[in-house]
Amino acid sequence: MTAAPTLPSYTAEVPVRWSDMDVFQHINHARMVTVLEESRIDWLRSVAPDLATMLQQSVVAHLDVRYRTPLTHHDSPLSVTMWLERVRTVDVTIRYEVRAAGTAADERPAVSATTQLALGDPITKSLRRLSADERAQLAPWVREA
């Protein structure tokens, strides 16, 4: 029997703060976006410092968050698994799966999301294209659909 291929991904653990809760004791929707951002920064700083610099010079062009199961303070730390869903000429799309602490990676995520980041040039204040070198650095993180 051969082992299943390992899919490219990174998992960050993000603690839930009491201030992340809404009146129903669920993680507030706006705070979930912050959880995604913190996870993305952790991923890039941990495994790809060059990519981190490049993607810090990006802007969020699109964000999609789908809530399936409420998450609470008791679900901390949240497990956020990320990979690149798409790399295009001037943007990349990151896919996220958020699960409560102790939830198996093959179980349905409580939250799924994508963030499309458009790459910018801070000097010209305009979008820029990915270089061949940058595309090569991103390639190992792309998970085929």
N, C-alpha and C. Protein backbone atom coordinates (compact mmCIF):
# COMPACT_ATOMS: atom_id res chain seq x y z
N MET A 1 0.85 -1.17 0.00
CA MET A 1 0.00 0.00 0.00
C MET A 1 0.89 1.24 0.00
N THR A 2 0.57 2.17 -0.88
CA THR A 2 1.35 3.40 -0.93
C THR A 2 0.62 4.49 -0.17
N ALA A 3 1.40 5.38 0.40
CA ALA A 3 0.83 6.48 1.18
C ALA A 3 0.22 7.51 0.23
N ALA A 4 -0.81 8.16 0.70
CA ALA A 4 -1.43 9.22 -0.09
C ALA A 4 -0.44 10.38 -0.21
N PRO A 5 -0.43 11.03 -1.37
CA PRO A 5 0.50 12.15 -1.53
C PRO A 5 0.18 13.27 -0.55
N THR A 6 1.24 13.91 -0.06
CA THR A 6 1.07 15.04 0.85
C THR A 6 0.73 16.28 0.03
N LEU A 7 -0.36 16.91 0.39
CA LEU A 7 -0.77 18.11 -0.33
C LEU A 7 -0.09 19.32 0.29
N PRO A 8 0.32 20.29 -0.53
CA PRO A 8 0.99 21.47 0.01
C PRO A 8 0.04 22.31 0.85
N SER A 9 0.41 22.52 2.09
CA SER A 9 -0.39 23.37 2.96
C SER A 9 0.42 23.74 4.19
N TYR A 10 -0.07 24.70 4.92
CA TYR A 10 0.53 25.13 6.17
C TYR A 10 -0.60 25.32 7.17
N THR A 11 -0.39 24.88 8.40
CA THR A 11 -1.41 25.04 9.43
C THR A 11 -0.88 25.92 10.55
N ALA A 12 -1.62 26.97 10.83
CA ALA A 12 -1.30 27.87 11.94
C ALA A 12 -2.32 27.66 13.05
N GLU A 13 -1.89 27.82 14.26
CA GLU A 13 -2.81 27.76 15.40
C GLU A 13 -2.96 29.18 15.94
N VAL A 14 -4.20 29.62 16.02
CA VAL A 14 -4.49 30.99 16.44
C VAL A 14 -5.36 30.96 17.70
N PRO A 15 -4.87 31.54 18.79
CA PRO A 15 -5.69 31.57 20.00
C PRO A 15 -6.90 32.49 19.83
N VAL A 16 -8.00 32.10 20.43
CA VAL A 16 -9.20 32.94 20.41
C VAL A 16 -9.17 33.82 21.65
N ARG A 17 -9.32 35.12 21.44
CA ARG A 17 -9.35 36.07 22.54
C ARG A 17 -10.80 36.28 22.98
N TRP A 18 -10.99 36.60 24.23
CA TRP A 18 -12.33 36.85 24.72
C TRP A 18 -13.00 37.97 23.92
N SER A 19 -12.23 38.95 23.51
CA SER A 19 -12.78 40.08 22.74
C SER A 19 -13.20 39.68 21.32
N ASP A 20 -12.88 38.46 20.89
CA ASP A 20 -13.29 37.98 19.57
C ASP A 20 -14.76 37.55 19.54
N MET A 21 -15.38 37.44 20.72
CA MET A 21 -16.74 36.91 20.82
C MET A 21 -17.80 37.98 20.54
N ASP A 22 -18.92 37.53 19.96
CA ASP A 22 -20.07 38.41 19.78
C ASP A 22 -21.07 38.16 20.92
N VAL A 23 -22.24 38.75 20.84
CA VAL A 23 -23.23 38.65 21.90
C VAL A 23 -23.71 37.20 22.10
N PHE A 24 -23.60 36.36 21.08
CA PHE A 24 -24.02 34.96 21.17
C PHE A 24 -22.87 34.04 21.58
N GLN A 25 -21.72 34.64 21.92
CA GLN A 25 -20.51 33.92 22.31
C GLN A 25 -19.89 33.12 21.16
N HIS A 26 -20.14 33.57 19.93
CA HIS A 26 -19.49 33.02 18.74
C HIS A 26 -18.39 33.99 18.33
N ILE A 27 -17.43 33.51 17.59
CA ILE A 27 -16.41 34.42 17.07
C ILE A 27 -17.07 35.38 16.09
N ASN A 28 -16.92 36.66 16.32
CA ASN A 28 -17.49 37.70 15.49
C ASN A 28 -16.95 37.59 14.06
N HIS A 29 -17.81 37.85 13.08
CA HIS A 29 -17.41 37.70 11.68
C HIS A 29 -16.21 38.58 11.31
N ALA A 30 -16.16 39.79 11.81
CA ALA A 30 -15.03 40.66 11.49
C ALA A 30 -13.75 40.14 12.14
N ARG A 31 -13.87 39.55 13.32
CA ARG A 31 -12.69 38.98 13.99
C ARG A 31 -12.18 37.76 13.25
N MET A 32 -13.08 37.03 12.57
CA MET A 32 -12.64 35.87 11.79
C MET A 32 -11.71 36.33 10.67
N VAL A 33 -11.99 37.47 10.08
CA VAL A 33 -11.11 38.00 9.03
C VAL A 33 -9.73 38.29 9.62
N THR A 34 -9.69 38.77 10.85
CA THR A 34 -8.41 39.01 11.53
C THR A 34 -7.70 37.69 11.80
N VAL A 35 -8.42 36.65 12.17
CA VAL A 35 -7.83 35.32 12.36
C VAL A 35 -7.17 34.86 11.06
N LEU A 36 -7.85 35.06 9.93
CA LEU A 36 -7.28 34.67 8.64
C LEU A 36 -6.00 35.45 8.35
N GLU A 37 -6.02 36.74 8.62
CA GLU A 37 -4.85 37.58 8.39
C GLU A 37 -3.67 37.14 9.27
N GLU A 38 -3.93 36.90 10.55
CA GLU A 38 -2.87 36.46 11.45
C GLU A 38 -2.29 35.13 11.00
N SER A 39 -3.14 34.25 10.53
CA SER A 39 -2.67 32.95 10.03
C SER A 39 -1.79 33.11 8.80
N ARG A 40 -2.25 33.95 7.88
CA ARG A 40 -1.49 34.18 6.64
C ARG A 40 -0.12 34.76 6.95
N ILE A 41 -0.04 35.70 7.86
CA ILE A 41 1.24 36.31 8.23
C ILE A 41 2.15 35.27 8.89
N ASP A 42 1.59 34.45 9.78
CA ASP A 42 2.37 33.38 10.42
C ASP A 42 2.95 32.44 9.38
N TRP A 43 2.14 32.03 8.42
CA TRP A 43 2.56 31.13 7.36
C TRP A 43 3.72 31.72 6.58
N LEU A 44 3.54 32.93 6.10
CA LEU A 44 4.56 33.53 5.25
C LEU A 44 5.85 33.82 6.00
N ARG A 45 5.76 34.28 7.22
CA ARG A 45 6.98 34.53 8.01
C ARG A 45 7.70 33.24 8.37
N SER A 46 6.95 32.18 8.59
CA SER A 46 7.54 30.92 9.02
C SER A 46 8.26 30.17 7.91
N VAL A 47 7.67 30.16 6.73
CA VAL A 47 8.21 29.28 5.70
C VAL A 47 8.78 29.99 4.48
N ALA A 48 8.44 31.25 4.31
CA ALA A 48 8.86 31.91 3.08
C ALA A 48 9.07 33.41 3.30
N PRO A 49 10.17 33.77 3.97
CA PRO A 49 10.40 35.20 4.23
C PRO A 49 10.39 36.06 2.97
N ASP A 50 10.92 35.55 1.87
CA ASP A 50 10.91 36.32 0.62
C ASP A 50 9.49 36.54 0.13
N LEU A 51 8.66 35.49 0.25
CA LEU A 51 7.26 35.62 -0.14
C LEU A 51 6.52 36.57 0.79
N ALA A 52 6.89 36.54 2.06
CA ALA A 52 6.23 37.42 3.04
C ALA A 52 6.42 38.87 2.64
N THR A 53 7.63 39.25 2.26
CA THR A 53 7.90 40.62 1.85
C THR A 53 7.08 40.98 0.62
N MET A 54 7.04 40.05 -0.34
CA MET A 54 6.30 40.30 -1.57
C MET A 54 4.81 40.46 -1.28
N LEU A 55 4.25 39.55 -0.48
CA LEU A 55 2.81 39.59 -0.24
C LEU A 55 2.40 40.66 0.76
N GLN A 56 3.36 41.18 1.55
CA GLN A 56 3.04 42.32 2.40
C GLN A 56 2.83 43.57 1.56
N GLN A 57 3.34 43.53 0.35
CA GLN A 57 3.16 44.65 -0.58
C GLN A 57 1.98 44.36 -1.50
N SER A 58 0.95 43.77 -0.93
CA SER A 58 -0.24 43.45 -1.71
C SER A 58 -1.46 44.05 -1.03
N VAL A 59 -2.54 44.08 -1.76
CA VAL A 59 -3.80 44.55 -1.21
C VAL A 59 -4.85 43.46 -1.39
N VAL A 60 -5.79 43.40 -0.47
CA VAL A 60 -6.87 42.43 -0.59
C VAL A 60 -7.82 42.92 -1.67
N ALA A 61 -7.92 42.12 -2.74
CA ALA A 61 -8.80 42.48 -3.86
C ALA A 61 -10.18 41.84 -3.68
N HIS A 62 -10.21 40.69 -3.01
CA HIS A 62 -11.49 39.99 -2.80
C HIS A 62 -11.36 39.09 -1.59
N LEU A 63 -12.43 39.00 -0.83
CA LEU A 63 -12.48 38.14 0.36
C LEU A 63 -13.81 37.42 0.37
N ASP A 64 -13.76 36.11 0.58
CA ASP A 64 -14.98 35.31 0.67
C ASP A 64 -14.86 34.43 1.90
N VAL A 65 -15.82 34.54 2.82
CA VAL A 65 -15.81 33.75 4.04
C VAL A 65 -17.14 33.03 4.15
N ARG A 66 -17.09 31.71 4.35
CA ARG A 66 -18.30 30.90 4.51
C ARG A 66 -18.28 30.26 5.88
N TYR A 67 -19.31 30.58 6.65
CA TYR A 67 -19.44 30.05 8.01
C TYR A 67 -20.36 28.84 7.98
N ARG A 68 -19.88 27.71 8.47
CA ARG A 68 -20.68 26.49 8.48
C ARG A 68 -21.09 26.08 9.90
N THR A 69 -20.18 26.27 10.83
CA THR A 69 -20.41 25.90 12.22
C THR A 69 -19.88 27.02 13.11
N PRO A 70 -20.66 27.47 14.09
CA PRO A 70 -20.16 28.51 14.98
C PRO A 70 -18.92 28.04 15.74
N LEU A 71 -17.98 28.94 15.91
CA LEU A 71 -16.80 28.69 16.72
C LEU A 71 -16.87 29.59 17.95
N THR A 72 -16.39 29.07 19.08
CA THR A 72 -16.47 29.81 20.33
C THR A 72 -15.10 29.88 20.99
N HIS A 73 -15.05 30.54 22.12
CA HIS A 73 -13.80 30.66 22.87
C HIS A 73 -13.27 29.28 23.27
N HIS A 74 -14.17 28.33 23.52
CA HIS A 74 -13.77 26.98 23.92
C HIS A 74 -13.10 26.19 22.79
N ASP A 75 -13.21 26.68 21.56
CA ASP A 75 -12.61 25.99 20.41
C ASP A 75 -11.15 26.38 20.19
N SER A 76 -10.61 27.19 21.06
CA SER A 76 -9.25 27.71 20.94
C SER A 76 -8.21 26.63 21.30
N PRO A 77 -7.06 26.68 20.63
CA PRO A 77 -6.71 27.53 19.50
C PRO A 77 -7.31 26.99 18.21
N LEU A 78 -7.67 27.91 17.33
CA LEU A 78 -8.21 27.52 16.04
C LEU A 78 -7.08 27.00 15.17
N SER A 79 -7.39 26.00 14.39
CA SER A 79 -6.44 25.42 13.44
C SER A 79 -6.81 25.94 12.05
N VAL A 80 -5.90 26.72 11.46
CA VAL A 80 -6.16 27.34 10.16
C VAL A 80 -5.18 26.77 9.14
N THR A 81 -5.70 25.99 8.20
CA THR A 81 -4.87 25.39 7.16
C THR A 81 -4.99 26.23 5.90
N MET A 82 -3.85 26.52 5.26
CA MET A 82 -3.80 27.41 4.10
C MET A 82 -2.96 26.82 2.98
N TRP A 83 -3.34 27.17 1.77
CA TRP A 83 -2.54 26.86 0.59
C TRP A 83 -2.93 27.83 -0.51
N LEU A 84 -2.17 27.83 -1.58
CA LEU A 84 -2.49 28.70 -2.72
C LEU A 84 -3.44 27.95 -3.63
N GLU A 85 -4.54 28.60 -3.93
CA GLU A 85 -5.53 28.01 -4.82
C GLU A 85 -5.25 28.41 -6.26
N ARG A 86 -4.69 29.63 -6.43
CA ARG A 86 -4.47 30.13 -7.78
C ARG A 86 -3.37 31.17 -7.77
N VAL A 87 -2.53 31.13 -8.78
CA VAL A 87 -1.50 32.15 -8.99
C VAL A 87 -1.69 32.68 -10.40
N ARG A 88 -1.94 33.98 -10.49
CA ARG A 88 -2.13 34.59 -11.80
C ARG A 88 -1.07 35.66 -12.01
N THR A 89 -1.19 36.41 -13.06
CA THR A 89 -0.17 37.40 -13.43
C THR A 89 0.07 38.44 -12.35
N VAL A 90 -1.00 39.00 -11.77
CA VAL A 90 -0.84 40.07 -10.78
C VAL A 90 -1.47 39.75 -9.43
N ASP A 91 -1.95 38.51 -9.26
CA ASP A 91 -2.59 38.20 -7.98
C ASP A 91 -2.46 36.72 -7.63
N VAL A 92 -2.67 36.46 -6.35
CA VAL A 92 -2.70 35.08 -5.85
C VAL A 92 -3.95 34.93 -4.98
N THR A 93 -4.47 33.72 -4.94
CA THR A 93 -5.63 33.43 -4.10
C THR A 93 -5.24 32.38 -3.07
N ILE A 94 -5.44 32.72 -1.82
CA ILE A 94 -5.14 31.82 -0.71
C ILE A 94 -6.45 31.20 -0.23
N ARG A 95 -6.45 29.88 -0.05
CA ARG A 95 -7.61 29.15 0.48
C ARG A 95 -7.33 28.83 1.95
N TYR A 96 -8.35 28.98 2.79
CA TYR A 96 -8.25 28.71 4.23
C TYR A 96 -9.32 27.70 4.64
N GLU A 97 -8.98 26.85 5.58
CA GLU A 97 -9.95 25.99 6.26
C GLU A 97 -9.71 26.18 7.75
N VAL A 98 -10.75 26.58 8.48
CA VAL A 98 -10.63 26.87 9.92
C VAL A 98 -11.40 25.79 10.68
N ARG A 99 -10.71 25.18 11.66
CA ARG A 99 -11.33 24.15 12.48
C ARG A 99 -11.06 24.44 13.96
N ALA A 100 -11.95 23.91 14.80
CA ALA A 100 -11.76 24.02 16.24
C ALA A 100 -10.56 23.17 16.65
N ALA A 101 -9.97 23.50 17.79
CA ALA A 101 -8.85 22.72 18.34
C ALA A 101 -9.27 21.26 18.46
N GLY A 102 -8.38 20.37 18.09
CA GLY A 102 -8.64 18.95 18.23
C GLY A 102 -9.46 18.32 17.12
N THR A 103 -9.90 19.12 16.15
CA THR A 103 -10.67 18.58 15.03
C THR A 103 -9.72 18.01 14.00
N ALA A 104 -10.02 16.82 13.51
CA ALA A 104 -9.17 16.16 12.51
C ALA A 104 -9.15 16.96 11.21
N ALA A 105 -8.02 16.95 10.54
CA ALA A 105 -7.84 17.72 9.31
C ALA A 105 -8.76 17.23 8.19
N ASP A 106 -9.23 16.00 8.27
CA ASP A 106 -10.11 15.50 7.21
C ASP A 106 -11.59 15.75 7.50
N GLU A 107 -11.89 16.36 8.65
CA GLU A 107 -13.28 16.72 8.96
C GLU A 107 -13.64 18.04 8.30
N ARG A 108 -14.91 18.23 8.06
CA ARG A 108 -15.40 19.46 7.42
C ARG A 108 -15.00 20.68 8.26
N PRO A 109 -14.45 21.72 7.63
CA PRO A 109 -14.07 22.90 8.40
C PRO A 109 -15.29 23.68 8.87
N ALA A 110 -15.15 24.37 10.00
CA ALA A 110 -16.21 25.24 10.50
C ALA A 110 -16.33 26.49 9.63
N VAL A 111 -15.20 26.93 9.11
CA VAL A 111 -15.16 28.12 8.25
C VAL A 111 -14.24 27.82 7.08
N SER A 112 -14.66 28.19 5.89
CA SER A 112 -13.76 28.14 4.73
C SER A 112 -13.74 29.54 4.12
N ALA A 113 -12.59 29.89 3.55
CA ALA A 113 -12.45 31.26 3.04
C ALA A 113 -11.39 31.31 1.95
N THR A 114 -11.45 32.37 1.18
CA THR A 114 -10.38 32.69 0.23
C THR A 114 -10.08 34.18 0.33
N THR A 115 -8.83 34.50 0.09
CA THR A 115 -8.39 35.89 -0.01
C THR A 115 -7.62 36.03 -1.31
N GLN A 116 -8.06 36.94 -2.15
CA GLN A 116 -7.34 37.25 -3.37
C GLN A 116 -6.48 38.47 -3.09
N LEU A 117 -5.17 38.31 -3.23
CA LEU A 117 -4.23 39.40 -2.98
C LEU A 117 -3.66 39.89 -4.31
N ALA A 118 -3.84 41.17 -4.58
CA ALA A 118 -3.26 41.79 -5.78
C ALA A 118 -1.92 42.38 -5.39
N LEU A 119 -0.90 42.08 -6.16
CA LEU A 119 0.45 42.54 -5.85
C LEU A 119 0.63 43.99 -6.27
N GLY A 120 1.25 44.75 -5.37
CA GLY A 120 1.43 46.16 -5.64
C GLY A 120 2.89 46.58 -5.60
N ASP A 121 3.15 47.69 -6.21
CA ASP A 121 4.47 48.31 -6.17
C ASP A 121 4.33 49.54 -5.27
N PRO A 122 4.96 49.52 -4.07
CA PRO A 122 4.77 50.65 -3.14
C PRO A 122 5.34 51.97 -3.65
N ILE A 123 6.27 51.92 -4.58
CA ILE A 123 6.87 53.15 -5.10
C ILE A 123 5.94 53.81 -6.12
N THR A 124 5.46 53.02 -7.09
CA THR A 124 4.58 53.58 -8.13
C THR A 124 3.11 53.59 -7.71
N LYS A 125 2.81 52.89 -6.61
CA LYS A 125 1.43 52.78 -6.12
C LYS A 125 0.49 52.23 -7.18
N SER A 126 0.97 51.18 -7.86
CA SER A 126 0.16 50.53 -8.88
C SER A 126 0.38 49.02 -8.78
N LEU A 127 -0.47 48.26 -9.47
CA LEU A 127 -0.30 46.82 -9.50
C LEU A 127 0.94 46.47 -10.29
N ARG A 128 1.50 45.31 -9.96
CA ARG A 128 2.67 44.85 -10.71
C ARG A 128 2.52 43.37 -11.01
N ARG A 129 3.30 42.90 -11.94
CA ARG A 129 3.26 41.49 -12.34
C ARG A 129 4.24 40.67 -11.50
N LEU A 130 3.88 39.41 -11.30
CA LEU A 130 4.80 38.48 -10.64
C LEU A 130 5.99 38.21 -11.55
N SER A 131 7.17 38.17 -10.98
CA SER A 131 8.35 37.80 -11.75
C SER A 131 8.40 36.29 -11.88
N ALA A 132 9.23 35.79 -12.77
CA ALA A 132 9.39 34.34 -12.94
C ALA A 132 9.92 33.71 -11.65
N ASP A 133 10.83 34.41 -10.97
CA ASP A 133 11.37 33.92 -9.71
C ASP A 133 10.28 33.82 -8.63
N GLU A 134 9.43 34.84 -8.56
CA GLU A 134 8.34 34.82 -7.58
C GLU A 134 7.36 33.69 -7.87
N ARG A 135 7.05 33.49 -9.14
CA ARG A 135 6.14 32.39 -9.51
C ARG A 135 6.74 31.05 -9.11
N ALA A 136 8.06 30.91 -9.28
CA ALA A 136 8.73 29.66 -8.89
C ALA A 136 8.68 29.45 -7.38
N GLN A 137 8.81 30.52 -6.61
CA GLN A 137 8.72 30.41 -5.15
C GLN A 137 7.31 30.05 -4.69
N LEU A 138 6.31 30.52 -5.41
CA LEU A 138 4.93 30.24 -5.06
C LEU A 138 4.48 28.84 -5.49
N ALA A 139 5.07 28.31 -6.54
CA ALA A 139 4.63 27.05 -7.12
C ALA A 139 4.48 25.89 -6.13
N PRO A 140 5.39 25.67 -5.17
CA PRO A 140 5.22 24.54 -4.27
C PRO A 140 3.99 24.63 -3.38
N TRP A 141 3.40 25.80 -3.25
CA TRP A 141 2.25 26.00 -2.36
C TRP A 141 0.91 25.91 -3.08
N VAL A 142 0.95 25.71 -4.40
CA VAL A 142 -0.28 25.64 -5.17
C VAL A 142 -0.84 24.22 -5.09
N ARG A 143 -2.10 24.14 -4.70
CA ARG A 143 -2.79 22.86 -4.63
C ARG A 143 -3.76 22.81 -5.80
N GLU A 144 -3.56 21.81 -6.64
CA GLU A 144 -4.43 21.65 -7.81
C GLU A 144 -5.86 21.37 -7.37
N ALA A 145 -6.80 21.94 -8.08
CA ALA A 145 -8.23 21.75 -7.73
C ALA A 145 -8.70 20.36 -8.07
